[in-house]
Protein backbone atom coordinates (compact mmCIF):
# COMPACT_ATOMS: atom_id res chain seq x y z
CA UNK A 1 230.75 35.29 110.12
CA UNK A 2 228.73 34.63 106.68
CA UNK A 3 231.33 34.43 103.99
CA UNK A 4 231.06 37.80 101.24
CA UNK A 5 228.37 37.00 99.02
CA UNK A 6 229.16 38.12 95.25
CA UNK A 7 226.03 39.77 94.20
CA UNK A 8 226.88 42.03 90.85
CA UNK A 9 230.49 42.18 88.68
CA UNK A 10 231.00 45.48 86.30
CA UNK A 11 231.73 45.28 82.83
CA UNK A 12 233.15 48.21 81.44
CA UNK A 13 232.08 49.22 77.54
CA UNK A 14 232.41 51.82 75.27
CA UNK A 15 228.80 52.59 74.10
CA UNK A 16 226.27 51.41 75.95
CA UNK A 17 223.75 50.93 73.79
CA UNK A 18 225.56 48.83 71.49
CA UNK A 19 226.54 46.85 75.28
CA UNK A 20 222.60 46.59 75.65
CA UNK A 21 221.57 45.63 72.21
CA UNK A 22 224.25 42.29 72.21
CA UNK A 23 223.47 40.99 76.23
CA UNK A 24 219.54 41.88 75.54
CA UNK A 25 219.88 39.46 72.38
CA UNK A 26 222.46 36.83 73.99
CA UNK A 27 220.60 36.48 77.07
CA UNK A 28 217.00 37.24 75.55
CA UNK A 29 215.85 39.74 78.13
CA UNK A 30 215.61 43.43 78.39
CA UNK A 31 217.94 44.05 81.50
CA UNK A 32 216.67 47.48 83.20
CA UNK A 33 218.58 50.80 82.66
CA UNK A 34 219.18 51.69 86.25
CA UNK A 35 221.07 54.67 85.47
CA UNK A 36 221.73 56.78 82.08
CA UNK A 37 225.24 55.13 81.86
CA UNK A 38 224.61 51.86 83.36
CA UNK A 39 222.34 49.04 82.79
CA UNK A 40 221.60 45.86 84.76
CA UNK A 41 220.95 41.94 83.63
CA UNK A 42 220.17 39.55 86.26
CA UNK A 43 221.78 36.56 85.69
CA UNK A 44 220.58 34.16 88.19
CA UNK A 45 221.73 35.77 91.79
CA UNK A 46 224.75 37.77 90.13
CA UNK A 47 223.68 41.08 88.05
CA UNK A 48 226.42 42.48 85.54
CA UNK A 49 226.34 45.56 84.94
CA UNK A 50 226.79 47.23 81.37
CA UNK A 51 228.63 50.53 82.17
CA UNK A 52 229.87 53.23 79.76
CA UNK A 53 232.52 55.44 81.27
CA UNK A 54 231.49 59.15 81.82
CA UNK A 55 234.45 60.48 80.52
CA UNK A 56 234.62 59.39 76.66
CA UNK A 57 238.41 60.17 76.58
CA UNK A 58 238.55 56.83 78.80
CA UNK A 59 239.67 53.77 77.11
CA UNK A 60 237.94 51.03 79.31
CA UNK A 61 240.22 47.72 79.83
CA UNK A 62 238.10 44.56 77.79
CA UNK A 63 238.30 42.27 81.98
CA UNK A 64 235.62 42.64 84.41
CA UNK A 65 236.44 45.34 86.82
CA UNK A 66 234.74 45.85 89.52
CA UNK A 67 233.49 42.72 91.90
CA UNK A 68 230.83 43.43 94.33
CA UNK A 69 230.42 41.56 97.48
CA UNK A 70 227.33 41.85 99.76
CA UNK A 71 228.65 41.83 103.60
CA UNK A 72 226.70 41.57 106.86
CA UNK A 73 228.90 43.81 108.78
CA UNK A 74 229.80 46.58 106.50
CA UNK A 75 232.66 47.93 109.23
CA UNK A 76 234.30 44.73 110.32
CA UNK A 77 234.65 44.03 106.05
CA UNK A 78 236.14 47.30 106.47
CA UNK A 79 238.47 46.50 109.02
CA UNK A 80 239.54 43.44 107.35
CA UNK A 81 240.23 44.50 104.47
CA UNK A 82 242.28 47.50 105.83
CA UNK A 83 244.13 45.03 108.02
CA UNK A 84 244.94 42.45 104.43
CA UNK A 85 247.65 44.88 103.77
CA UNK A 86 248.91 46.81 100.39
CA UNK A 87 246.23 47.85 98.44
CA UNK A 88 244.03 51.18 98.58
CA UNK A 89 241.18 51.62 100.25
CA UNK A 90 238.51 53.91 100.99
CA UNK A 91 239.35 56.16 104.31
CA UNK A 92 235.40 55.77 104.85
CA UNK A 93 232.15 53.84 104.13
CA UNK A 94 229.90 56.14 102.09
CA UNK A 95 226.67 56.04 101.06
CA UNK A 96 225.36 56.13 97.15
CA UNK A 97 223.04 58.48 95.63
CA UNK A 98 221.23 55.33 94.49
CA UNK A 99 221.26 54.08 98.89
CA UNK A 100 224.24 51.46 98.83
CA UNK A 101 226.83 52.06 101.69
CA UNK A 102 229.61 50.80 100.85
CA UNK A 103 233.21 51.15 100.06
CA UNK A 104 235.74 50.61 97.55
CA UNK A 105 239.29 48.80 97.51
CA UNK A 106 241.72 48.28 94.87
CA UNK A 107 243.99 44.81 95.32
CA UNK A 108 247.21 45.10 95.04
CA UNK A 109 246.72 42.99 91.55
CA UNK A 110 244.73 46.24 90.51
CA UNK A 111 241.36 44.43 90.65
CA UNK A 112 238.69 46.88 91.92
CA UNK A 113 235.92 45.63 94.48
CA UNK A 114 233.55 46.94 96.56
CA UNK A 115 232.03 45.96 99.82
CA UNK A 116 228.15 46.83 100.12
CA UNK A 117 226.41 46.73 103.64
CA UNK A 118 224.03 43.76 102.53
CA UNK A 119 221.18 45.62 103.80
CA UNK A 120 221.68 47.82 101.34
CA UNK A 121 222.51 45.99 97.83
CA UNK A 122 220.75 47.35 95.13
CA UNK A 123 219.90 45.36 92.21
CA UNK A 124 217.55 47.32 90.10
CA UNK A 125 214.05 47.09 90.70
């Protein structure tokens, strides 16, 4: 079995436009708006997703909150994570509007992880 491959890291931001301006200038490339509140920057094999939460009253934490892993066998990964112990996990694998088949889990320490079928990863256009 192949080890899960980190392919996307989501960072919550207060202001998507300010985040896009900062990271675009810092990286020297404009990135890509993939949804109204989500912008992707390609950093080698990993996508940095800056995301403004939909709820305006929500103050996002300053540290990264979702790590995305591509796996070759999503049902097997779901079973392994479920058996790993405490933490919250989606009951079912779902398909997102952009085509990714995935499930989310929160580890015992509050870090959110998302496991995605490697054949359906979305990294922009």
